[in-house]
């Protein structure tokens, strides 16, 4: 199992890096749209859609990402900030910061096709658009955001294994602990500060680092929210993984659960600094 996970992870990394640095903007937008469509297929499964419904929803979401991204200018390297994405990012931020915590606390369910479609729009479309947007800002910025989520996952796993005692959300994800969450925060803070110092000497100033640290802590907390949210939906749907596309890793949603909550916030920050 470990060998399969490692091989799949290396293949995914190769595909990601190749697409990230070699595809033209329109090709990368199409790549992001393909991920959005695949995630929507799995989302439809969590919402117990019939096969035809899942297919229609997946194709619709992929096309929506492609068309909205092209309309916002993400298909070209024009260099203008895609202000049209502000509403999508803001809606995503409201969901993850104000709605998702209550959703997890009260263990709400996806009730019927309408709620599955609408919540899926909020959860899946903004991060897919952010994936295309942030690559235009800087491939390295996008790679740093994705790597930060991976650092959070790895740090939480090993810290939880070594020191985990208090369960974070036992009814949702029994393996997660408060100690693991603390390890994730520490790991992302360390990684983020090192990246910042390596990218610009100005970050060596104490004030800038002091401002960055709470942002990294908040980023990590939101990434954990995304992870827990998908875990809850899978538990309610009675499945271990969202899909079986990625051997040893489950489905697309299993790999991007924390990115669904974090990438729109990074995109929002990128728009803020660009205007």
C-alpha atoms as a PDB file:
ATOM      1  CA  UNK A   1       0.000   0.000   0.000  1.00  0.00           C
ATOM      2  CA  UNK A   2       2.796   2.417   0.915  1.00  0.00           C
ATOM      3  CA  UNK A   3       4.598   1.626  -2.339  1.00  0.00           C
ATOM      4  CA  UNK A   4       1.434   2.362  -4.314  1.00  0.00           C
ATOM      5  CA  UNK A   5       0.935   5.655  -2.450  1.00  0.00           C
ATOM      6  CA  UNK A   6       4.515   6.732  -3.115  1.00  0.00           C
ATOM      7  CA  UNK A   7       4.369   5.852  -6.818  1.00  0.00           C
ATOM      8  CA  UNK A   8       1.052   7.670  -7.254  1.00  0.00           C
ATOM      9  CA  UNK A   9       2.369  10.696  -5.357  1.00  0.00           C
ATOM     10  CA  UNK A  10       5.454  10.890  -7.586  1.00  0.00           C
ATOM     11  CA  UNK A  11       3.347  10.606 -10.742  1.00  0.00           C
ATOM     12  CA  UNK A  12       0.973  13.324  -9.490  1.00  0.00           C
ATOM     13  CA  UNK A  13       3.911  15.573  -8.638  1.00  0.00           C
ATOM     14  CA  UNK A  14       5.403  15.080 -12.092  1.00  0.00           C
ATOM     15  CA  UNK A  15       2.093  15.851 -13.811  1.00  0.00           C
ATOM     16  CA  UNK A  16       1.535  18.923 -11.625  1.00  0.00           C
ATOM     17  CA  UNK A  17       5.003  20.366 -12.160  1.00  0.00           C
ATOM     18  CA  UNK A  18       4.935  19.648 -15.877  1.00  0.00           C
ATOM     19  CA  UNK A  19       1.544  21.283 -16.325  1.00  0.00           C
ATOM     20  CA  UNK A  20       2.407  24.171 -13.991  1.00  0.00           C
ATOM     21  CA  UNK A  21       5.563  25.235 -15.803  1.00  0.00           C
ATOM     22  CA  UNK A  22       4.952  24.078 -19.387  1.00  0.00           C
ATOM     23  CA  UNK A  23       1.295  24.669 -20.240  1.00  0.00           C
ATOM     24  CA  UNK A  24       0.198  28.015 -21.709  1.00  0.00           C
ATOM     25  CA  UNK A  25      -2.391  29.981 -19.678  1.00  0.00           C
ATOM     26  CA  UNK A  26      -5.345  28.562 -21.605  1.00  0.00           C
ATOM     27  CA  UNK A  27      -3.973  25.049 -21.244  1.00  0.00           C
ATOM     28  CA  UNK A  28      -3.559  25.514 -17.500  1.00  0.00           C
ATOM     29  CA  UNK A  29      -7.120  26.880 -17.265  1.00  0.00           C
ATOM     30  CA  UNK A  30      -8.325  23.759 -19.084  1.00  0.00           C
ATOM     31  CA  UNK A  31      -6.282  21.646 -16.637  1.00  0.00           C
ATOM     32  CA  UNK A  32      -7.925  23.407 -13.673  1.00  0.00           C
ATOM     33  CA  UNK A  33     -11.337  22.908 -15.296  1.00  0.00           C
ATOM     34  CA  UNK A  34     -10.638  19.197 -15.712  1.00  0.00           C
ATOM     35  CA  UNK A  35      -9.801  18.925 -12.005  1.00  0.00           C
ATOM     36  CA  UNK A  36     -12.991  20.839 -11.182  1.00  0.00           C
ATOM     37  CA  UNK A  37     -15.062  18.464 -13.322  1.00  0.00           C
ATOM     38  CA  UNK A  38     -13.462  15.377 -11.776  1.00  0.00           C
ATOM     39  CA  UNK A  39     -14.012  16.706  -8.273  1.00  0.00           C
ATOM     40  CA  UNK A  40     -17.632  17.506  -9.175  1.00  0.00           C
ATOM     41  CA  UNK A  41     -18.142  13.894 -10.305  1.00  0.00           C
ATOM     42  CA  UNK A  42     -17.007  12.697  -6.877  1.00  0.00           C
ATOM     43  CA  UNK A  43     -19.046  15.388  -5.139  1.00  0.00           C
ATOM     44  CA  UNK A  44     -22.120  14.086  -6.914  1.00  0.00           C
ATOM     45  CA  UNK A  45     -21.336  10.656  -5.473  1.00  0.00           C
ATOM     46  CA  UNK A  46     -21.207  12.108  -1.957  1.00  0.00           C
ATOM     47  CA  UNK A  47     -24.587  13.706  -2.680  1.00  0.00           C
ATOM     48  CA  UNK A  48     -25.924  10.336  -3.885  1.00  0.00           C
ATOM     49  CA  UNK A  49     -26.578  11.515  -7.423  1.00  0.00           C
ATOM     50  CA  UNK A  50     -27.497   8.930 -10.031  1.00  0.00           C
ATOM     51  CA  UNK A  51     -24.855   8.252 -12.677  1.00  0.00           C
ATOM     52  CA  UNK A  52     -26.446  10.528 -15.273  1.00  0.00           C
ATOM     53  CA  UNK A  53     -26.821  13.350 -12.734  1.00  0.00           C
ATOM     54  CA  UNK A  54     -23.201  12.990 -11.712  1.00  0.00           C
ATOM     55  CA  UNK A  55     -22.041  13.135 -15.318  1.00  0.00           C
ATOM     56  CA  UNK A  56     -24.140  16.214 -16.111  1.00  0.00           C
ATOM     57  CA  UNK A  57     -22.958  17.952 -12.950  1.00  0.00           C
ATOM     58  CA  UNK A  58     -19.306  17.125 -13.632  1.00  0.00           C
ATOM     59  CA  UNK A  59     -19.431  18.381 -17.221  1.00  0.00           C
ATOM     60  CA  UNK A  60     -21.368  21.497 -16.183  1.00  0.00           C
ATOM     61  CA  UNK A  61     -18.874  22.376 -13.458  1.00  0.00           C
ATOM     62  CA  UNK A  62     -15.903  21.833 -15.735  1.00  0.00           C
ATOM     63  CA  UNK A  63     -17.432  24.015 -18.437  1.00  0.00           C
ATOM     64  CA  UNK A  64     -18.421  26.668 -15.892  1.00  0.00           C
ATOM     65  CA  UNK A  65     -14.838  26.872 -14.669  1.00  0.00           C
ATOM     66  CA  UNK A  66     -13.493  27.082 -18.216  1.00  0.00           C
ATOM     67  CA  UNK A  67     -15.947  29.746 -19.375  1.00  0.00           C
ATOM     68  CA  UNK A  68     -15.830  31.874 -16.223  1.00  0.00           C
ATOM     69  CA  UNK A  69     -12.058  31.659 -16.177  1.00  0.00           C
ATOM     70  CA  UNK A  70     -11.818  32.679 -19.825  1.00  0.00           C
ATOM     71  CA  UNK A  71     -14.260  35.557 -19.243  1.00  0.00           C
ATOM     72  CA  UNK A  72     -12.139  36.729 -16.298  1.00  0.00           C
ATOM     73  CA  UNK A  73      -9.028  36.702 -18.472  1.00  0.00           C
ATOM     74  CA  UNK A  74      -7.389  33.594 -17.025  1.00  0.00           C
ATOM     75  CA  UNK A  75      -6.846  32.113 -20.475  1.00  0.00           C
ATOM     76  CA  UNK A  76      -4.198  34.667 -21.425  1.00  0.00           C
ATOM     77  CA  UNK A  77      -1.164  36.303 -19.878  1.00  0.00           C
ATOM     78  CA  UNK A  78      -2.614  39.804 -20.172  1.00  0.00           C
ATOM     79  CA  UNK A  79      -1.330  40.753 -16.730  1.00  0.00           C
ATOM     80  CA  UNK A  80      -4.509  42.438 -15.475  1.00  0.00           C
ATOM     81  CA  UNK A  81      -5.911  41.403 -12.096  1.00  0.00           C
ATOM     82  CA  UNK A  82      -9.108  39.314 -12.614  1.00  0.00           C
ATOM     83  CA  UNK A  83     -11.342  41.475 -10.433  1.00  0.00           C
ATOM     84  CA  UNK A  84     -14.351  39.501 -11.673  1.00  0.00           C
ATOM     85  CA  UNK A  85     -13.285  36.657  -9.383  1.00  0.00           C
ATOM     86  CA  UNK A  86     -13.697  38.794  -6.265  1.00  0.00           C
ATOM     87  CA  UNK A  87     -17.311  37.707  -5.717  1.00  0.00           C
ATOM     88  CA  UNK A  88     -16.441  34.004  -5.998  1.00  0.00           C
ATOM     89  CA  UNK A  89     -13.569  34.358  -3.549  1.00  0.00           C
ATOM     90  CA  UNK A  90     -15.640  36.411  -1.107  1.00  0.00           C
ATOM     91  CA  UNK A  91     -18.454  33.840  -1.194  1.00  0.00           C
ATOM     92  CA  UNK A  92     -15.944  31.073  -0.554  1.00  0.00           C
ATOM     93  CA  UNK A  93     -14.404  33.007   2.355  1.00  0.00           C
ATOM     94  CA  UNK A  94     -17.817  33.520   3.948  1.00  0.00           C
ATOM     95  CA  UNK A  95     -18.591  29.826   3.610  1.00  0.00           C
ATOM     96  CA  UNK A  96     -15.339  28.571   5.105  1.00  0.00           C
ATOM     97  CA  UNK A  97     -14.982  31.177   7.845  1.00  0.00           C
ATOM     98  CA  UNK A  98     -18.614  31.600   8.882  1.00  0.00           C
ATOM     99  CA  UNK A  99     -20.644  28.598   7.673  1.00  0.00           C
ATOM    100  CA  UNK A 100     -18.311  25.584   7.688  1.00  0.00           C
ATOM    101  CA  UNK A 101     -17.530  25.719  11.440  1.00  0.00           C
ATOM    102  CA  UNK A 102     -21.264  25.573  12.242  1.00  0.00           C
ATOM    103  CA  UNK A 103     -21.760  22.879   9.594  1.00  0.00           C
ATOM    104  CA  UNK A 104     -19.144  20.723  11.293  1.00  0.00           C
ATOM    105  CA  UNK A 105     -20.457  21.439  14.781  1.00  0.00           C
ATOM    106  CA  UNK A 106     -24.050  20.591  13.897  1.00  0.00           C
ATOM    107  CA  UNK A 107     -23.117  17.893  11.370  1.00  0.00           C
ATOM    108  CA  UNK A 108     -25.471  19.142   8.692  1.00  0.00           C
ATOM    109  CA  UNK A 109     -26.049  16.954   5.644  1.00  0.00           C
ATOM    110  CA  UNK A 110     -26.384  17.622   1.953  1.00  0.00           C
ATOM    111  CA  UNK A 111     -30.169  17.570   1.652  1.00  0.00           C
ATOM    112  CA  UNK A 112     -31.389  16.822  -1.852  1.00  0.00           C
ATOM    113  CA  UNK A 113     -30.089  17.700  -5.296  1.00  0.00           C
ATOM    114  CA  UNK A 114     -30.469  21.472  -4.972  1.00  0.00           C
ATOM    115  CA  UNK A 115     -28.295  21.790  -1.864  1.00  0.00           C
ATOM    116  CA  UNK A 116     -25.718  19.381  -3.298  1.00  0.00           C
ATOM    117  CA  UNK A 117     -25.453  21.452  -6.485  1.00  0.00           C
ATOM    118  CA  UNK A 118     -25.321  24.826  -4.708  1.00  0.00           C
ATOM    119  CA  UNK A 119     -22.875  23.841  -1.973  1.00  0.00           C
ATOM    120  CA  UNK A 120     -20.736  22.144  -4.605  1.00  0.00           C
ATOM    121  CA  UNK A 121     -20.612  25.395  -6.561  1.00  0.00           C
ATOM    122  CA  UNK A 122     -19.313  27.233  -3.495  1.00  0.00           C
ATOM    123  CA  UNK A 123     -16.851  24.518  -2.480  1.00  0.00           C
ATOM    124  CA  UNK A 124     -15.444  23.494  -5.886  1.00  0.00           C
ATOM    125  CA  UNK A 125     -15.654  26.392  -8.330  1.00  0.00           C
ATOM    126  CA  UNK A 126     -13.716  29.130  -6.433  1.00  0.00           C
ATOM    127  CA  UNK A 127     -10.634  26.956  -5.749  1.00  0.00           C
ATOM    128  CA  UNK A 128     -10.543  25.811  -9.383  1.00  0.00           C
ATOM    129  CA  UNK A 129     -10.626  29.440 -10.530  1.00  0.00           C
ATOM    130  CA  UNK A 130      -7.997  30.306  -7.929  1.00  0.00           C
ATOM    131  CA  UNK A 131      -5.828  27.489  -9.274  1.00  0.00           C
ATOM    132  CA  UNK A 132      -5.861  29.167 -12.693  1.00  0.00           C
ATOM    133  CA  UNK A 133      -5.549  32.694 -11.277  1.00  0.00           C
ATOM    134  CA  UNK A 134      -2.614  32.099  -8.925  1.00  0.00           C
ATOM    135  CA  UNK A 135      -0.561  30.445 -11.634  1.00  0.00           C
ATOM    136  CA  UNK A 136      -0.836  33.667 -13.640  1.00  0.00           C
ATOM    137  CA  UNK A 137       0.301  35.664 -10.611  1.00  0.00           C
ATOM    138  CA  UNK A 138       3.269  33.337 -10.079  1.00  0.00           C
ATOM    139  CA  UNK A 139       3.696  29.579 -10.491  1.00  0.00           C
ATOM    140  CA  UNK A 140       5.930  29.698  -7.426  1.00  0.00           C
ATOM    141  CA  UNK A 141       3.204  31.342  -5.337  1.00  0.00           C
ATOM    142  CA  UNK A 142       0.746  28.609  -6.321  1.00  0.00           C
ATOM    143  CA  UNK A 143       3.327  25.925  -5.660  1.00  0.00           C
ATOM    144  CA  UNK A 144       4.062  27.434  -2.228  1.00  0.00           C
ATOM    145  CA  UNK A 145       0.341  27.421  -1.353  1.00  0.00           C
ATOM    146  CA  UNK A 146      -0.033  23.776  -2.415  1.00  0.00           C
ATOM    147  CA  UNK A 147       3.176  22.819  -0.610  1.00  0.00           C
ATOM    148  CA  UNK A 148       1.966  24.549   2.564  1.00  0.00           C
ATOM    149  CA  UNK A 149      -1.106  22.331   2.621  1.00  0.00           C
ATOM    150  CA  UNK A 150       1.103  19.266   2.181  1.00  0.00           C
ATOM    151  CA  UNK A 151       3.360  20.465   5.000  1.00  0.00           C
ATOM    152  CA  UNK A 152       0.286  20.870   7.217  1.00  0.00           C
ATOM    153  CA  UNK A 153      -0.886  17.319   6.441  1.00  0.00           C
ATOM    154  CA  UNK A 154       2.527  15.744   6.992  1.00  0.00           C
ATOM    155  CA  UNK A 155       3.252  17.718  10.168  1.00  0.00           C
ATOM    156  CA  UNK A 156      -0.165  16.874  11.603  1.00  0.00           C
ATOM    157  CA  UNK A 157       0.291  13.184  10.829  1.00  0.00           C
ATOM    158  CA  UNK A 158       3.679  12.762  12.454  1.00  0.00           C
ATOM    159  CA  UNK A 159       2.983  15.063  15.405  1.00  0.00           C
ATOM    160  CA  UNK A 160      -0.322  13.326  16.030  1.00  0.00           C
ATOM    161  CA  UNK A 161       1.322   9.904  15.863  1.00  0.00           C
ATOM    162  CA  UNK A 162       4.025  10.942  18.314  1.00  0.00           C
ATOM    163  CA  UNK A 163       2.125  13.125  20.776  1.00  0.00           C
ATOM    164  CA  UNK A 164      -1.588  12.885  19.948  1.00  0.00           C
ATOM    165  CA  UNK A 165      -3.810  12.412  22.976  1.00  0.00           C
ATOM    166  CA  UNK A 166      -6.821  14.724  22.663  1.00  0.00           C
ATOM    167  CA  UNK A 167      -9.192  14.064  19.753  1.00  0.00           C
ATOM    168  CA  UNK A 168      -9.933  17.038  17.538  1.00  0.00           C
ATOM    169  CA  UNK A 169     -13.206  15.822  16.045  1.00  0.00           C
ATOM    170  CA  UNK A 170     -13.728  12.171  17.086  1.00  0.00           C
ATOM    171  CA  UNK A 171     -17.148  11.815  15.454  1.00  0.00           C
ATOM    172  CA  UNK A 172     -15.874  13.148  12.134  1.00  0.00           C
ATOM    173  CA  UNK A 173     -12.248  12.056  11.843  1.00  0.00           C
ATOM    174  CA  UNK A 174     -11.127   9.945  14.829  1.00  0.00           C
ATOM    175  CA  UNK A 175      -7.475   9.988  13.817  1.00  0.00           C
ATOM    176  CA  UNK A 176      -7.052  13.757  14.101  1.00  0.00           C
ATOM    177  CA  UNK A 177      -5.850  15.272  17.375  1.00  0.00           C
ATOM    178  CA  UNK A 178      -5.316  18.738  18.804  1.00  0.00           C
ATOM    179  CA  UNK A 179      -1.635  17.940  19.110  1.00  0.00           C
ATOM    180  CA  UNK A 180      -1.545  17.077  15.413  1.00  0.00           C
ATOM    181  CA  UNK A 181      -3.265  20.360  14.599  1.00  0.00           C
ATOM    182  CA  UNK A 182      -0.670  22.187  16.656  1.00  0.00           C
ATOM    183  CA  UNK A 183       2.067  20.380  14.754  1.00  0.00           C
ATOM    184  CA  UNK A 184       0.454  21.430  11.475  1.00  0.00           C
ATOM    185  CA  UNK A 185       0.461  25.077  12.563  1.00  0.00           C
ATOM    186  CA  UNK A 186       4.102  24.868  13.649  1.00  0.00           C
ATOM    187  CA  UNK A 187       5.111  23.142  10.412  1.00  0.00           C
ATOM    188  CA  UNK A 188       3.375  25.672   8.167  1.00  0.00           C
ATOM    189  CA  UNK A 189       4.750  28.595  10.174  1.00  0.00           C
ATOM    190  CA  UNK A 190       8.277  27.272   9.824  1.00  0.00           C
ATOM    191  CA  UNK A 191       7.859  26.519   6.126  1.00  0.00           C
ATOM    192  CA  UNK A 192       6.167  29.844   5.398  1.00  0.00           C
ATOM    193  CA  UNK A 193       8.795  31.912   7.208  1.00  0.00           C
ATOM    194  CA  UNK A 194      11.633  30.091   5.428  1.00  0.00           C
ATOM    195  CA  UNK A 195       9.985  30.607   2.030  1.00  0.00           C
ATOM    196  CA  UNK A 196       9.357  34.280   2.806  1.00  0.00           C
ATOM    197  CA  UNK A 197      12.944  34.846   3.917  1.00  0.00           C
ATOM    198  CA  UNK A 198      14.238  33.052   0.834  1.00  0.00           C
ATOM    199  CA  UNK A 199      12.032  35.046  -1.545  1.00  0.00           C
ATOM    200  CA  UNK A 200      12.757  38.518  -0.160  1.00  0.00           C
ATOM    201  CA  UNK A 201      15.363  39.802   2.318  1.00  0.00           C
ATOM    202  CA  UNK A 202      12.825  42.406   3.465  1.00  0.00           C
ATOM    203  CA  UNK A 203      11.007  39.687   5.399  1.00  0.00           C
ATOM    204  CA  UNK A 204      13.957  39.552   7.769  1.00  0.00           C
ATOM    205  CA  UNK A 205      12.452  42.667   9.343  1.00  0.00           C
ATOM    206  CA  UNK A 206      10.683  41.657  12.539  1.00  0.00           C
ATOM    207  CA  UNK A 207       7.457  43.509  11.754  1.00  0.00           C
ATOM    208  CA  UNK A 208       6.860  41.651   8.490  1.00  0.00           C
ATOM    209  CA  UNK A 209       7.523  38.250  10.040  1.00  0.00           C
ATOM    210  CA  UNK A 210       5.262  39.134  12.984  1.00  0.00           C
ATOM    211  CA  UNK A 211       2.467  39.973  10.520  1.00  0.00           C
ATOM    212  CA  UNK A 212       3.044  36.796   8.515  1.00  0.00           C
ATOM    213  CA  UNK A 213       2.866  34.349  11.426  1.00  0.00           C
ATOM    214  CA  UNK A 214      -0.839  34.824  12.323  1.00  0.00           C
ATOM    215  CA  UNK A 215      -1.731  34.643   8.633  1.00  0.00           C
ATOM    216  CA  UNK A 216       0.052  31.284   8.371  1.00  0.00           C
ATOM    217  CA  UNK A 217      -1.730  30.051  11.496  1.00  0.00           C
ATOM    218  CA  UNK A 218      -5.077  31.090  10.014  1.00  0.00           C
ATOM    219  CA  UNK A 219      -4.202  29.439   6.698  1.00  0.00           C
ATOM    220  CA  UNK A 220      -3.489  26.181   8.522  1.00  0.00           C
ATOM    221  CA  UNK A 221      -6.725  26.350  10.508  1.00  0.00           C
ATOM    222  CA  UNK A 222      -8.738  26.837   7.306  1.00  0.00           C
ATOM    223  CA  UNK A 223      -6.910  23.934   5.652  1.00  0.00           C
ATOM    224  CA  UNK A 224      -7.951  21.706   8.563  1.00  0.00           C
ATOM    225  CA  UNK A 225     -11.549  22.905   8.127  1.00  0.00           C
ATOM    226  CA  UNK A 226     -11.481  21.788   4.493  1.00  0.00           C
ATOM    227  CA  UNK A 227     -10.126  18.393   5.482  1.00  0.00           C
ATOM    228  CA  UNK A 228     -12.732  17.891   8.221  1.00  0.00           C
ATOM    229  CA  UNK A 229     -15.565  19.060   5.966  1.00  0.00           C
ATOM    230  CA  UNK A 230     -14.863  16.423   3.344  1.00  0.00           C
ATOM    231  CA  UNK A 231     -14.345  13.801   6.062  1.00  0.00           C
ATOM    232  CA  UNK A 232     -17.809  14.578   7.420  1.00  0.00           C
ATOM    233  CA  UNK A 233     -19.440  14.262   3.999  1.00  0.00           C
ATOM    234  CA  UNK A 234     -17.682  10.951   3.346  1.00  0.00           C
ATOM    235  CA  UNK A 235     -18.740   9.610   6.733  1.00  0.00           C
ATOM    236  CA  UNK A 236     -22.344  10.650   6.071  1.00  0.00           C
ATOM    237  CA  UNK A 237     -22.216   9.038   2.618  1.00  0.00           C
ATOM    238  CA  UNK A 238     -20.774   5.842   4.123  1.00  0.00           C
ATOM    239  CA  UNK A 239     -17.590   5.820   2.031  1.00  0.00           C
ATOM    240  CA  UNK A 240     -13.914   5.749   2.956  1.00  0.00           C
ATOM    241  CA  UNK A 241     -12.686   7.676  -0.093  1.00  0.00           C
ATOM    242  CA  UNK A 242     -14.385  10.125  -2.435  1.00  0.00           C
ATOM    243  CA  UNK A 243     -13.262   8.056  -5.416  1.00  0.00           C
ATOM    244  CA  UNK A 244     -10.753   5.517  -6.662  1.00  0.00           C
ATOM    245  CA  UNK A 245      -9.024   7.430  -9.454  1.00  0.00           C
ATOM    246  CA  UNK A 246      -5.710   7.780  -7.602  1.00  0.00           C
ATOM    247  CA  UNK A 247      -4.347   4.408  -6.388  1.00  0.00           C
ATOM    248  CA  UNK A 248      -3.440   4.563  -2.725  1.00  0.00           C
ATOM    249  CA  UNK A 249      -4.845   8.076  -2.380  1.00  0.00           C
ATOM    250  CA  UNK A 250      -8.542   7.687  -3.149  1.00  0.00           C
ATOM    251  CA  UNK A 251     -10.140  10.319  -5.327  1.00  0.00           C
ATOM    252  CA  UNK A 252      -9.517  13.880  -6.452  1.00  0.00           C
ATOM    253  CA  UNK A 253     -11.452  15.342  -3.522  1.00  0.00           C
ATOM    254  CA  UNK A 254      -9.311  13.343  -1.125  1.00  0.00           C
ATOM    255  CA  UNK A 255      -6.243  15.124  -2.516  1.00  0.00           C
ATOM    256  CA  UNK A 256      -7.668  18.646  -2.761  1.00  0.00           C
ATOM    257  CA  UNK A 257      -9.939  18.798   0.313  1.00  0.00           C
ATOM    258  CA  UNK A 258      -7.727  21.331   2.119  1.00  0.00           C
ATOM    259  CA  UNK A 259      -7.098  23.255  -1.111  1.00  0.00           C
ATOM    260  CA  UNK A 260     -10.826  23.853  -1.584  1.00  0.00           C
ATOM    261  CA  UNK A 261     -10.799  25.990   1.563  1.00  0.00           C
ATOM    262  CA  UNK A 262      -7.378  27.648   1.251  1.00  0.00           C
ATOM    263  CA  UNK A 263      -6.804  28.502  -2.426  1.00  0.00           C
ATOM    264  CA  UNK A 264      -9.719  30.981  -2.662  1.00  0.00           C
ATOM    265  CA  UNK A 265      -8.323  32.856   0.358  1.00  0.00           C
ATOM    266  CA  UNK A 266      -4.900  33.033  -1.262  1.00  0.00           C
ATOM    267  CA  UNK A 267      -6.596  34.231  -4.441  1.00  0.00           C
ATOM    268  CA  UNK A 268      -8.452  36.885  -2.459  1.00  0.00           C
ATOM    269  CA  UNK A 269      -5.168  38.059  -0.931  1.00  0.00           C
ATOM    270  CA  UNK A 270      -3.567  38.153  -4.393  1.00  0.00           C
ATOM    271  CA  UNK A 271      -6.392  40.380  -5.674  1.00  0.00           C
ATOM    272  CA  UNK A 272      -6.047  42.600  -2.599  1.00  0.00           C
ATOM    273  CA  UNK A 273      -2.349  43.212  -3.207  1.00  0.00           C
ATOM    274  CA  UNK A 274      -2.855  43.669  -6.964  1.00  0.00           C
ATOM    275  CA  UNK A 275      -5.335  46.530  -6.551  1.00  0.00           C
END
